[in-house]
Amino acid sequence: MSKSERKILLDFEKPLAELENRINQIRELAKDYSNVDVSEQIHQLETKATQLREEIFSSLSPVQRLQLARHPRRPSTLDYIQAIGDEWIELHGDRGGSDDPAIVGGLARINGRPVVIIGHQKGRDTKDNVARNFGMATAGGYRKSIRFMEHGNRFGMPILTFIDTPGAWPGIEAEKLGQGEAIAYNLRQMFHLDVPIICTVIGEGGSGGALGVGVGDRLLMLEHSIYTVASPEACAAILWKDASKASQAAEALKITSWDLKKIGIIDDVVPEPHGGAHSNPLQAAENLKKAIVKSLDDLSEFSSQQRRKQRYQKFRSMGVFLEK
């Protein structure tokens, strides 16, 4: 096994990995001693492993979910596109001289239905991450994404966006190139589009970088993804001048899918396989495809005017509360 293929374990995954290794070792030993029946022992250990996996992944803390959302092997936008799309043609450029690799997009079919897909793209290793700018889009990336959205709107194709970024690129050069204006323009234009828009947080949804492609009729989140106004590390540094308090900040920010569903920020949580999306990418993609197809079917029952009105009301109602 090469270094790049070596399994990456998070701290809370290690007890499960040790148990699975023990099961594999017993299987290997059984090959050398064919007259020894270890099937009952293996069955007991596999049952124990299943129970342990369910216990671990059903009681994760916010900071542990953050670790899963950032897992290097977590499926990316391009992984999901290849898994759920019948066809895929990638488009390039913002027609302003830029083709930001942190944003990918193009035309696809899902169950024969033509759609436009846009999403943040992180890298698989350090070299790829540097090339993709760690999924942090520039001003050109947001102009590129709105060009694709307007193309879909022109030809009546629903728009799917996949969110996976720690935030927009925070460099000084980004401001020179109009980063804030580009994101603000996207927010305004997405409210006006006639076609259905479904946004899914597939990993890390951070700050305005996520919101720049996050205005839609439906906002979905994969179970172990996170969506937040600022990273827990940044929040801790701002509030307590101590980034080591990120775990405390993660609890307070309500960054998990279930927390956000409870307070009405997102519409639905897409379940992940036990072990996270990286443990079974094909199953994660199948779950995501079902959720997207259902949302598309539901939204197709409304007129474009009704969808625009509901989209507006959806975001206007966020943060509204009554004091008792």
C-alpha atoms as a PDB file:
ATOM      1  CA  MET A   1       0.000   0.000   0.000  1.00  0.00           C
ATOM      2  CA  SER A   2       1.435   3.382  -1.007  1.00  0.00           C
ATOM      3  CA  LYS A   3       1.706   6.276   1.396  1.00  0.00           C
ATOM      4  CA  SER A   4      -1.065   8.151  -0.431  1.00  0.00           C
ATOM      5  CA  GLU A   5      -3.412   5.139  -0.120  1.00  0.00           C
ATOM      6  CA  ARG A   6      -2.747   4.568   3.598  1.00  0.00           C
ATOM      7  CA  LYS A   7      -5.880   4.849   5.678  1.00  0.00           C
ATOM      8  CA  ILE A   8      -6.213   8.135   7.546  1.00  0.00           C
ATOM      9  CA  LEU A   9      -7.696   7.674  11.008  1.00  0.00           C
ATOM     10  CA  LEU A  10      -9.224  10.298  13.258  1.00  0.00           C
ATOM     11  CA  ASP A  11      -8.709   9.858  17.006  1.00  0.00           C
ATOM     12  CA  PHE A  12     -12.234   8.636  17.682  1.00  0.00           C
ATOM     13  CA  GLU A  13     -11.971   6.107  14.807  1.00  0.00           C
ATOM     14  CA  LYS A  14      -8.925   4.306  16.245  1.00  0.00           C
ATOM     15  CA  PRO A  15     -10.753   1.881  18.628  1.00  0.00           C
ATOM     16  CA  LEU A  16     -12.924   0.748  15.713  1.00  0.00           C
ATOM     17  CA  ALA A  17      -9.895   0.379  13.421  1.00  0.00           C
ATOM     18  CA  GLU A  18      -8.106  -1.757  16.033  1.00  0.00           C
ATOM     19  CA  LEU A  19     -11.117  -4.078  16.283  1.00  0.00           C
ATOM     20  CA  GLU A  20     -11.360  -4.367  12.485  1.00  0.00           C
ATOM     21  CA  ASN A  21      -7.634  -5.148  12.288  1.00  0.00           C
ATOM     22  CA  ARG A  22      -8.118  -7.899  14.869  1.00  0.00           C
ATOM     23  CA  ILE A  23     -10.890  -9.426  12.748  1.00  0.00           C
ATOM     24  CA  ASN A  24      -8.651  -9.357   9.655  1.00  0.00           C
ATOM     25  CA  GLN A  25      -5.778 -10.963  11.577  1.00  0.00           C
ATOM     26  CA  ILE A  26      -8.034 -13.829  12.716  1.00  0.00           C
ATOM     27  CA  ARG A  27      -9.186 -14.345   9.127  1.00  0.00           C
ATOM     28  CA  GLU A  28      -5.581 -14.501   7.924  1.00  0.00           C
ATOM     29  CA  LEU A  29      -4.627 -16.989  10.645  1.00  0.00           C
ATOM     30  CA  ALA A  30      -7.641 -19.155   9.794  1.00  0.00           C
ATOM     31  CA  LYS A  31      -6.265 -19.588   6.254  1.00  0.00           C
ATOM     32  CA  ASP A  32      -3.173 -21.293   7.683  1.00  0.00           C
ATOM     33  CA  TYR A  33      -5.217 -23.568   9.937  1.00  0.00           C
ATOM     34  CA  SER A  34      -8.069 -24.803   7.779  1.00  0.00           C
ATOM     35  CA  ASN A  35      -9.142 -27.353  10.390  1.00  0.00           C
ATOM     36  CA  VAL A  36      -9.897 -24.600  12.937  1.00  0.00           C
ATOM     37  CA  ASP A  37     -13.380 -23.046  12.798  1.00  0.00           C
ATOM     38  CA  VAL A  38     -13.291 -19.383  13.827  1.00  0.00           C
ATOM     39  CA  SER A  39     -16.550 -18.335  12.160  1.00  0.00           C
ATOM     40  CA  GLU A  40     -18.347 -17.893  15.502  1.00  0.00           C
ATOM     41  CA  GLN A  41     -15.562 -15.737  16.906  1.00  0.00           C
ATOM     42  CA  ILE A  42     -15.464 -13.604  13.763  1.00  0.00           C
ATOM     43  CA  HIS A  43     -19.259 -13.214  13.853  1.00  0.00           C
ATOM     44  CA  GLN A  44     -19.118 -12.008  17.458  1.00  0.00           C
ATOM     45  CA  LEU A  45     -16.345  -9.525  16.698  1.00  0.00           C
ATOM     46  CA  GLU A  46     -18.142  -8.213  13.600  1.00  0.00           C
ATOM     47  CA  THR A  47     -21.316  -7.694  15.661  1.00  0.00           C
ATOM     48  CA  LYS A  48     -19.257  -5.853  18.251  1.00  0.00           C
ATOM     49  CA  ALA A  49     -17.651  -3.730  15.500  1.00  0.00           C
ATOM     50  CA  THR A  50     -21.066  -2.816  14.076  1.00  0.00           C
ATOM     51  CA  GLN A  51     -22.332  -1.796  17.511  1.00  0.00           C
ATOM     52  CA  LEU A  52     -19.171   0.215  18.217  1.00  0.00           C
ATOM     53  CA  ARG A  53     -19.434   2.007  14.856  1.00  0.00           C
ATOM     54  CA  GLU A  54     -23.053   2.956  15.554  1.00  0.00           C
ATOM     55  CA  GLU A  55     -22.181   4.152  19.075  1.00  0.00           C
ATOM     56  CA  ILE A  56     -19.286   6.294  17.854  1.00  0.00           C
ATOM     57  CA  PHE A  57     -21.024   7.911  14.907  1.00  0.00           C
ATOM     58  CA  SER A  58     -24.376   8.480  16.598  1.00  0.00           C
ATOM     59  CA  SER A  59     -22.867  10.526  19.435  1.00  0.00           C
ATOM     60  CA  LEU A  60     -20.240  12.694  17.754  1.00  0.00           C
ATOM     61  CA  SER A  61     -19.482  16.114  19.229  1.00  0.00           C
ATOM     62  CA  PRO A  62     -19.555  19.194  16.965  1.00  0.00           C
ATOM     63  CA  VAL A  63     -15.763  19.312  16.821  1.00  0.00           C
ATOM     64  CA  GLN A  64     -15.642  15.621  15.821  1.00  0.00           C
ATOM     65  CA  ARG A  65     -18.135  16.302  13.021  1.00  0.00           C
ATOM     66  CA  LEU A  66     -15.882  19.160  11.968  1.00  0.00           C
ATOM     67  CA  GLN A  67     -13.007  16.681  11.714  1.00  0.00           C
ATOM     68  CA  LEU A  68     -15.148  14.429   9.513  1.00  0.00           C
ATOM     69  CA  ALA A  69     -16.184  17.373   7.327  1.00  0.00           C
ATOM     70  CA  ARG A  70     -12.477  18.122   6.758  1.00  0.00           C
ATOM     71  CA  HIS A  71     -11.416  14.496   6.288  1.00  0.00           C
ATOM     72  CA  PRO A  72      -8.870  14.280   3.435  1.00  0.00           C
ATOM     73  CA  ARG A  73     -10.686  11.260   1.947  1.00  0.00           C
ATOM     74  CA  ARG A  74     -14.157  12.808   2.107  1.00  0.00           C
ATOM     75  CA  PRO A  75     -15.826  12.757  -1.348  1.00  0.00           C
ATOM     76  CA  SER A  76     -15.520  16.034  -3.242  1.00  0.00           C
ATOM     77  CA  THR A  77     -17.768  17.817  -5.725  1.00  0.00           C
ATOM     78  CA  LEU A  78     -16.212  16.013  -8.702  1.00  0.00           C
ATOM     79  CA  ASP A  79     -16.564  12.651  -6.918  1.00  0.00           C
ATOM     80  CA  TYR A  80     -20.293  13.214  -6.417  1.00  0.00           C
ATOM     81  CA  ILE A  81     -20.765  14.479  -9.966  1.00  0.00           C
ATOM     82  CA  GLN A  82     -19.200  11.322 -11.389  1.00  0.00           C
ATOM     83  CA  ALA A  83     -21.277   9.117  -9.071  1.00  0.00           C
ATOM     84  CA  ILE A  84     -24.731  10.690  -9.530  1.00  0.00           C
ATOM     85  CA  GLY A  85     -24.553  12.064 -13.082  1.00  0.00           C
ATOM     86  CA  ASP A  86     -25.419  10.127 -16.233  1.00  0.00           C
ATOM     87  CA  GLU A  87     -23.357  12.566 -18.318  1.00  0.00           C
ATOM     88  CA  TRP A  88     -20.958  15.385 -17.417  1.00  0.00           C
ATOM     89  CA  ILE A  89     -19.437  18.191 -19.461  1.00  0.00           C
ATOM     90  CA  GLU A  90     -17.229  20.570 -17.494  1.00  0.00           C
ATOM     91  CA  LEU A  91     -17.316  24.247 -18.472  1.00  0.00           C
ATOM     92  CA  HIS A  92     -14.562  26.760 -17.811  1.00  0.00           C
ATOM     93  CA  GLY A  93     -13.946  30.457 -17.322  1.00  0.00           C
ATOM     94  CA  ASP A  94     -15.769  33.563 -16.115  1.00  0.00           C
ATOM     95  CA  ARG A  95     -15.391  35.382 -19.472  1.00  0.00           C
ATOM     96  CA  GLY A  96     -13.349  37.967 -17.633  1.00  0.00           C
ATOM     97  CA  GLY A  97      -9.951  36.324 -17.991  1.00  0.00           C
ATOM     98  CA  SER A  98     -10.181  33.916 -15.038  1.00  0.00           C
ATOM     99  CA  ASP A  99     -10.849  30.190 -14.594  1.00  0.00           C
ATOM    100  CA  ASP A 100     -10.671  29.572 -10.846  1.00  0.00           C
ATOM    101  CA  PRO A 101      -9.845  25.873 -10.152  1.00  0.00           C
ATOM    102  CA  ALA A 102     -11.438  26.140  -6.656  1.00  0.00           C
ATOM    103  CA  ILE A 103     -14.851  26.240  -8.396  1.00  0.00           C
ATOM    104  CA  VAL A 104     -15.885  23.544 -10.861  1.00  0.00           C
ATOM    105  CA  GLY A 105     -19.076  23.510 -12.875  1.00  0.00           C
ATOM    106  CA  GLY A 106     -20.776  22.288 -15.979  1.00  0.00           C
ATOM    107  CA  LEU A 107     -23.680  20.423 -17.517  1.00  0.00           C
ATOM    108  CA  ALA A 108     -24.927  17.015 -16.419  1.00  0.00           C
ATOM    109  CA  ARG A 109     -27.925  14.711 -16.499  1.00  0.00           C
ATOM    110  CA  ILE A 110     -29.479  13.067 -13.440  1.00  0.00           C
ATOM    111  CA  ASN A 111     -31.968  10.316 -14.295  1.00  0.00           C
ATOM    112  CA  GLY A 112     -32.079  11.834 -17.772  1.00  0.00           C
ATOM    113  CA  ARG A 113     -32.894  15.331 -16.492  1.00  0.00           C
ATOM    114  CA  PRO A 114     -30.446  18.058 -17.654  1.00  0.00           C
ATOM    115  CA  VAL A 115     -29.017  20.160 -14.817  1.00  0.00           C
ATOM    116  CA  VAL A 116     -26.218  22.634 -14.149  1.00  0.00           C
ATOM    117  CA  ILE A 117     -23.874  21.614 -11.330  1.00  0.00           C
ATOM    118  CA  ILE A 118     -21.476  23.993  -9.572  1.00  0.00           C
ATOM    119  CA  GLY A 119     -19.331  23.366  -6.510  1.00  0.00           C
ATOM    120  CA  HIS A 120     -16.197  24.063  -4.529  1.00  0.00           C
ATOM    121  CA  GLN A 121     -13.371  21.641  -5.238  1.00  0.00           C
ATOM    122  CA  LYS A 122     -10.677  20.772  -2.710  1.00  0.00           C
ATOM    123  CA  GLY A 123      -7.585  18.716  -3.468  1.00  0.00           C
ATOM    124  CA  ARG A 124      -6.741  15.153  -2.483  1.00  0.00           C
ATOM    125  CA  ASP A 125      -3.176  15.902  -1.366  1.00  0.00           C
ATOM    126  CA  THR A 126      -1.012  18.924  -0.586  1.00  0.00           C
ATOM    127  CA  LYS A 127      -0.009  19.524  -4.214  1.00  0.00           C
ATOM    128  CA  ASP A 128      -3.603  19.260  -5.449  1.00  0.00           C
ATOM    129  CA  ASN A 129      -4.859  21.423  -2.580  1.00  0.00           C
ATOM    130  CA  VAL A 130      -2.386  24.157  -3.455  1.00  0.00           C
ATOM    131  CA  ALA A 131      -3.543  24.005  -7.088  1.00  0.00           C
ATOM    132  CA  ARG A 132      -7.194  24.207  -5.943  1.00  0.00           C
ATOM    133  CA  ASN A 133      -6.380  26.857  -3.300  1.00  0.00           C
ATOM    134  CA  PHE A 134      -7.852  24.514  -0.660  1.00  0.00           C
ATOM    135  CA  GLY A 135     -11.331  25.076  -2.095  1.00  0.00           C
ATOM    136  CA  MET A 136     -11.210  28.817  -1.354  1.00  0.00           C
ATOM    137  CA  ALA A 137     -12.647  30.580  -4.381  1.00  0.00           C
ATOM    138  CA  THR A 138     -11.499  33.926  -5.721  1.00  0.00           C
ATOM    139  CA  ALA A 139     -13.677  36.701  -7.115  1.00  0.00           C
ATOM    140  CA  GLY A 140     -13.280  35.055 -10.525  1.00  0.00           C
ATOM    141  CA  GLY A 141     -14.600  31.795  -9.100  1.00  0.00           C
ATOM    142  CA  TYR A 142     -17.858  33.415  -8.020  1.00  0.00           C
ATOM    143  CA  ARG A 143     -18.197  35.199 -11.369  1.00  0.00           C
ATOM    144  CA  LYS A 144     -17.583  31.854 -13.049  1.00  0.00           C
ATOM    145  CA  SER A 145     -20.307  30.197 -10.954  1.00  0.00           C
ATOM    146  CA  ILE A 146     -22.938  32.869 -11.631  1.00  0.00           C
ATOM    147  CA  ARG A 147     -22.179  32.644 -15.367  1.00  0.00           C
ATOM    148  CA  PHE A 148     -23.000  28.931 -15.235  1.00  0.00           C
ATOM    149  CA  MET A 149     -26.148  29.613 -13.203  1.00  0.00           C
ATOM    150  CA  GLU A 150     -27.383  32.215 -15.669  1.00  0.00           C
ATOM    151  CA  HIS A 151     -26.694  29.742 -18.484  1.00  0.00           C
ATOM    152  CA  GLY A 152     -28.872  27.160 -16.723  1.00  0.00           C
ATOM    153  CA  ASN A 153     -31.586  29.732 -16.113  1.00  0.00           C
ATOM    154  CA  ARG A 154     -31.579  30.752 -19.769  1.00  0.00           C
ATOM    155  CA  PHE A 155     -32.173  27.172 -20.914  1.00  0.00           C
ATOM    156  CA  GLY A 156     -34.519  26.093 -18.115  1.00  0.00           C
ATOM    157  CA  MET A 157     -32.098  23.717 -16.387  1.00  0.00           C
ATOM    158  CA  PRO A 158     -32.281  23.297 -12.581  1.00  0.00           C
ATOM    159  CA  ILE A 159     -29.159  24.358 -10.682  1.00  0.00           C
ATOM    160  CA  LEU A 160     -27.358  22.175  -8.142  1.00  0.00           C
ATOM    161  CA  THR A 161     -24.592  23.638  -6.000  1.00  0.00           C
ATOM    162  CA  PHE A 162     -22.209  21.682  -3.758  1.00  0.00           C
ATOM    163  CA  ILE A 163     -20.679  23.639  -0.891  1.00  0.00           C
ATOM    164  CA  ASP A 164     -17.294  22.581   0.519  1.00  0.00           C
ATOM    165  CA  THR A 165     -15.024  25.448   1.513  1.00  0.00           C
ATOM    166  CA  PRO A 166     -13.511  26.947   4.666  1.00  0.00           C
ATOM    167  CA  GLY A 167     -14.388  30.349   3.175  1.00  0.00           C
ATOM    168  CA  ALA A 168     -13.622  32.629   0.261  1.00  0.00           C
ATOM    169  CA  TRP A 169      -9.963  33.377  -0.435  1.00  0.00           C
ATOM    170  CA  PRO A 170      -8.965  35.959   2.236  1.00  0.00           C
ATOM    171  CA  GLY A 171      -5.949  37.469   0.456  1.00  0.00           C
ATOM    172  CA  ILE A 172      -5.436  41.180  -0.168  1.00  0.00           C
ATOM    173  CA  GLU A 173      -5.396  40.442  -3.890  1.00  0.00           C
ATOM    174  CA  ALA A 174      -8.934  39.041  -3.527  1.00  0.00           C
ATOM    175  CA  GLU A 175     -10.215  42.418  -2.370  1.00  0.00           C
ATOM    176  CA  LYS A 176      -8.406  44.141  -5.223  1.00  0.00           C
ATOM    177  CA  LEU A 177     -10.228  41.836  -7.626  1.00  0.00           C
ATOM    178  CA  GLY A 178     -13.632  42.583  -6.061  1.00  0.00           C
ATOM    179  CA  GLN A 179     -14.241  39.537  -3.874  1.00  0.00           C
ATOM    180  CA  GLY A 180     -16.988  41.153  -1.776  1.00  0.00           C
ATOM    181  CA  GLU A 181     -18.773  42.576  -4.804  1.00  0.00           C
ATOM    182  CA  ALA A 182     -18.661  39.231  -6.611  1.00  0.00           C
ATOM    183  CA  ILE A 183     -20.245  37.369  -3.685  1.00  0.00           C
ATOM    184  CA  ALA A 184     -22.858  40.099  -3.160  1.00  0.00           C
ATOM    185  CA  TYR A 185     -23.748  40.013  -6.865  1.00  0.00           C
ATOM    186  CA  ASN A 186     -24.236  36.229  -6.664  1.00  0.00           C
ATOM    187  CA  LEU A 187     -26.535  36.575  -3.658  1.00  0.00           C
ATOM    188  CA  ARG A 188     -28.712  39.103  -5.461  1.00  0.00           C
ATOM    189  CA  GLN A 189     -28.851  37.241  -8.751  1.00  0.00           C
ATOM    190  CA  MET A 190     -29.637  33.837  -7.230  1.00  0.00           C
ATOM    191  CA  PHE A 191     -32.829  35.287  -5.728  1.00  0.00           C
ATOM    192  CA  HIS A 192     -33.982  36.262  -9.226  1.00  0.00           C
ATOM    193  CA  LEU A 193     -33.362  32.987 -11.062  1.00  0.00           C
ATOM    194  CA  ASP A 194     -36.482  31.229 -12.373  1.00  0.00           C
ATOM    195  CA  VAL A 195     -35.270  27.619 -12.263  1.00  0.00           C
ATOM    196  CA  PRO A 196     -35.159  25.379  -9.161  1.00  0.00           C
ATOM    197  CA  ILE A 197     -31.969  25.764  -7.102  1.00  0.00           C
ATOM    198  CA  ILE A 198     -30.827  23.037  -4.695  1.00  0.00           C
ATOM    199  CA  CYS A 199     -27.765  23.721  -2.540  1.00  0.00           C
ATOM    200  CA  THR A 200     -26.014  20.953  -0.606  1.00  0.00           C
ATOM    201  CA  VAL A 201     -23.287  21.302   2.003  1.00  0.00           C
ATOM    202  CA  ILE A 202     -21.161  18.220   1.301  1.00  0.00           C
ATOM    203  CA  GLY A 203     -18.272  19.009   3.648  1.00  0.00           C
ATOM    204  CA  GLU A 204     -17.237  22.295   5.171  1.00  0.00           C
ATOM    205  CA  GLY A 205     -19.511  25.280   4.612  1.00  0.00           C
ATOM    206  CA  GLY A 206     -17.718  28.389   5.813  1.00  0.00           C
ATOM    207  CA  SER A 207     -18.733  32.056   5.846  1.00  0.00           C
ATOM    208  CA  GLY A 208     -19.510  34.111   2.731  1.00  0.00           C
ATOM    209  CA  GLY A 209     -17.466  31.714   0.642  1.00  0.00           C
ATOM    210  CA  ALA A 210     -20.194  29.121   1.172  1.00  0.00           C
ATOM    211  CA  LEU A 211     -23.088  31.558   0.887  1.00  0.00           C
ATOM    212  CA  GLY A 212     -21.814  32.813  -2.479  1.00  0.00           C
ATOM    213  CA  VAL A 213     -23.283  29.650  -4.059  1.00  0.00           C
ATOM    214  CA  GLY A 214     -25.735  28.894  -1.243  1.00  0.00           C
ATOM    215  CA  VAL A 215     -28.961  30.785  -2.022  1.00  0.00           C
ATOM    216  CA  GLY A 216     -31.506  28.214  -3.105  1.00  0.00           C
ATOM    217  CA  ASP A 217     -35.021  26.834  -2.839  1.00  0.00           C
ATOM    218  CA  ARG A 218     -33.729  23.864  -0.838  1.00  0.00           C
ATOM    219  CA  LEU A 219     -30.659  23.727   1.393  1.00  0.00           C
ATOM    220  CA  LEU A 220     -29.504  20.187   2.157  1.00  0.00           C
ATOM    221  CA  MET A 221     -26.632  19.036   4.354  1.00  0.00           C
ATOM    222  CA  LEU A 222     -24.831  15.730   4.480  1.00  0.00           C
ATOM    223  CA  GLU A 223     -25.124  14.399   8.019  1.00  0.00           C
ATOM    224  CA  HIS A 224     -21.522  15.001   9.085  1.00  0.00           C
ATOM    225  CA  SER A 225     -20.954  18.257   7.216  1.00  0.00           C
ATOM    226  CA  ILE A 226     -20.836  21.647   8.940  1.00  0.00           C
ATOM    227  CA  TYR A 227     -22.178  25.094   8.041  1.00  0.00           C
ATOM    228  CA  THR A 228     -21.020  28.161   9.943  1.00  0.00           C
ATOM    229  CA  VAL A 229     -20.524  31.918   9.842  1.00  0.00           C
ATOM    230  CA  ALA A 230     -16.874  31.439  10.853  1.00  0.00           C
ATOM    231  CA  SER A 231     -14.649  28.467  11.581  1.00  0.00           C
ATOM    232  CA  PRO A 232     -14.537  27.448  15.265  1.00  0.00           C
ATOM    233  CA  GLU A 233     -10.823  28.317  15.308  1.00  0.00           C
ATOM    234  CA  ALA A 234     -11.500  31.832  13.979  1.00  0.00           C
ATOM    235  CA  CYS A 235     -14.419  32.285  16.371  1.00  0.00           C
ATOM    236  CA  ALA A 236     -12.291  31.241  19.368  1.00  0.00           C
ATOM    237  CA  ALA A 237      -9.481  33.576  18.299  1.00  0.00           C
ATOM    238  CA  ILE A 238     -11.924  36.485  17.989  1.00  0.00           C
ATOM    239  CA  LEU A 239     -13.907  35.895  21.200  1.00  0.00           C
ATOM    240  CA  TRP A 240     -11.260  34.547  23.553  1.00  0.00           C
ATOM    241  CA  LYS A 241      -8.007  35.380  21.743  1.00  0.00           C
ATOM    242  CA  ASP A 242      -7.279  31.657  22.002  1.00  0.00           C
ATOM    243  CA  ALA A 243      -7.715  29.312  19.015  1.00  0.00           C
ATOM    244  CA  SER A 244      -7.307  26.303  21.320  1.00  0.00           C
ATOM    245  CA  LYS A 245     -10.876  26.932  22.516  1.00  0.00           C
ATOM    246  CA  ALA A 246     -12.210  25.851  19.111  1.00  0.00           C
ATOM    247  CA  SER A 247     -14.103  22.936  20.685  1.00  0.00           C
ATOM    248  CA  GLN A 248     -16.024  25.355  22.936  1.00  0.00           C
ATOM    249  CA  ALA A 249     -16.726  27.608  19.960  1.00  0.00           C
ATOM    250  CA  ALA A 250     -17.977  24.671  17.881  1.00  0.00           C
ATOM    251  CA  GLU A 251     -20.559  23.883  20.563  1.00  0.00           C
ATOM    252  CA  ALA A 252     -21.761  27.499  20.726  1.00  0.00           C
ATOM    253  CA  LEU A 253     -21.911  28.110  16.964  1.00  0.00           C
ATOM    254  CA  LYS A 254     -24.443  25.310  16.262  1.00  0.00           C
ATOM    255  CA  ILE A 255     -22.556  24.163  13.199  1.00  0.00           C
ATOM    256  CA  THR A 256     -23.926  20.631  12.797  1.00  0.00           C
ATOM    257  CA  SER A 257     -26.620  19.506  10.394  1.00  0.00           C
ATOM    258  CA  TRP A 258     -29.052  18.476  13.132  1.00  0.00           C
ATOM    259  CA  ASP A 259     -28.643  21.760  15.013  1.00  0.00           C
ATOM    260  CA  LEU A 260     -29.240  23.763  11.835  1.00  0.00           C
ATOM    261  CA  LYS A 261     -32.257  21.649  10.886  1.00  0.00           C
ATOM    262  CA  LYS A 262     -33.725  22.276  14.339  1.00  0.00           C
ATOM    263  CA  ILE A 263     -33.436  26.069  14.029  1.00  0.00           C
ATOM    264  CA  GLY A 264     -34.719  26.155  10.465  1.00  0.00           C
ATOM    265  CA  ILE A 265     -31.578  27.131   8.554  1.00  0.00           C
ATOM    266  CA  ILE A 266     -31.497  23.994   6.415  1.00  0.00           C
ATOM    267  CA  ASP A 267     -34.351  21.974   4.942  1.00  0.00           C
ATOM    268  CA  ASP A 268     -33.131  18.397   5.188  1.00  0.00           C
ATOM    269  CA  VAL A 269     -30.283  16.227   6.474  1.00  0.00           C
ATOM    270  CA  VAL A 270     -28.919  13.619   4.055  1.00  0.00           C
ATOM    271  CA  PRO A 271     -27.837  10.525   6.030  1.00  0.00           C
ATOM    272  CA  GLU A 272     -24.282   9.252   5.640  1.00  0.00           C
ATOM    273  CA  PRO A 273     -23.090   5.650   5.974  1.00  0.00           C
ATOM    274  CA  HIS A 274     -21.926   4.661   9.461  1.00  0.00           C
ATOM    275  CA  GLY A 275     -18.286   5.686   9.423  1.00  0.00           C
ATOM    276  CA  GLY A 276     -18.899   8.845   7.393  1.00  0.00           C
ATOM    277  CA  ALA A 277     -19.090   9.506   3.650  1.00  0.00           C
ATOM    278  CA  HIS A 278     -15.411   8.603   3.175  1.00  0.00           C
ATOM    279  CA  SER A 279     -16.045   5.062   4.482  1.00  0.00           C
ATOM    280  CA  ASN A 280     -18.541   4.285   1.697  1.00  0.00           C
ATOM    281  CA  PRO A 281     -18.549   7.013  -0.990  1.00  0.00           C
ATOM    282  CA  LEU A 282     -20.917   5.153  -3.320  1.00  0.00           C
ATOM    283  CA  GLN A 283     -23.573   4.794  -0.616  1.00  0.00           C
ATOM    284  CA  ALA A 284     -23.146   8.457   0.341  1.00  0.00           C
ATOM    285  CA  ALA A 285     -23.599   9.438  -3.321  1.00  0.00           C
ATOM    286  CA  GLU A 286     -26.706   7.264  -3.638  1.00  0.00           C
ATOM    287  CA  ASN A 287     -28.248   8.909  -0.553  1.00  0.00           C
ATOM    288  CA  LEU A 288     -27.439  12.353  -1.945  1.00  0.00           C
ATOM    289  CA  LYS A 289     -28.894  11.519  -5.356  1.00  0.00           C
ATOM    290  CA  LYS A 290     -32.182  10.368  -3.792  1.00  0.00           C
ATOM    291  CA  ALA A 291     -32.460  13.597  -1.790  1.00  0.00           C
ATOM    292  CA  ILE A 292     -31.713  15.766  -4.833  1.00  0.00           C
ATOM    293  CA  VAL A 293     -34.163  13.929  -7.100  1.00  0.00           C
ATOM    294  CA  LYS A 294     -36.906  14.209  -4.463  1.00  0.00           C
ATOM    295  CA  SER A 295     -36.266  17.953  -4.076  1.00  0.00           C
ATOM    296  CA  LEU A 296     -36.316  18.445  -7.847  1.00  0.00           C
ATOM    297  CA  ASP A 297     -39.629  16.592  -8.092  1.00  0.00           C
ATOM    298  CA  ASP A 298     -41.120  18.673  -5.268  1.00  0.00           C
ATOM    299  CA  LEU A 299     -39.922  21.995  -6.707  1.00  0.00           C
ATOM    300  CA  SER A 300     -41.156  21.197 -10.216  1.00  0.00           C
ATOM    301  CA  GLU A 301     -44.729  21.424  -8.911  1.00  0.00           C
ATOM    302  CA  PHE A 302     -44.360  25.184  -8.370  1.00  0.00           C
ATOM    303  CA  SER A 303     -44.236  27.986 -10.929  1.00  0.00           C
ATOM    304  CA  SER A 304     -41.081  30.091 -11.221  1.00  0.00           C
ATOM    305  CA  GLN A 305     -42.877  32.989  -9.557  1.00  0.00           C
ATOM    306  CA  GLN A 306     -43.893  30.811  -6.609  1.00  0.00           C
ATOM    307  CA  ARG A 307     -40.357  29.489  -6.234  1.00  0.00           C
ATOM    308  CA  ARG A 308     -38.860  32.990  -6.226  1.00  0.00           C
ATOM    309  CA  LYS A 309     -41.365  34.124  -3.592  1.00  0.00           C
ATOM    310  CA  GLN A 310     -40.719  31.089  -1.381  1.00  0.00           C
ATOM    311  CA  ARG A 311     -36.940  31.504  -1.808  1.00  0.00           C
ATOM    312  CA  TYR A 312     -37.193  35.113  -0.658  1.00  0.00           C
ATOM    313  CA  GLN A 313     -39.392  34.264   2.333  1.00  0.00           C
ATOM    314  CA  LYS A 314     -37.112  31.382   3.304  1.00  0.00           C
ATOM    315  CA  PHE A 315     -34.135  33.669   3.796  1.00  0.00           C
ATOM    316  CA  ARG A 316     -36.152  36.553   5.256  1.00  0.00           C
ATOM    317  CA  SER A 317     -37.419  34.278   8.022  1.00  0.00           C
ATOM    318  CA  MET A 318     -33.947  33.137   9.108  1.00  0.00           C
ATOM    319  CA  GLY A 319     -32.991  34.519  12.492  1.00  0.00           C
ATOM    320  CA  VAL A 320     -36.531  35.616  13.372  1.00  0.00           C
ATOM    321  CA  PHE A 321     -37.456  34.725  16.955  1.00  0.00           C
ATOM    322  CA  LEU A 322     -39.908  35.730  19.691  1.00  0.00           C
ATOM    323  CA  GLU A 323     -38.880  36.551  23.241  1.00  0.00           C
ATOM    324  CA  LYS A 324     -41.012  35.046  25.992  1.00  0.00           C
END
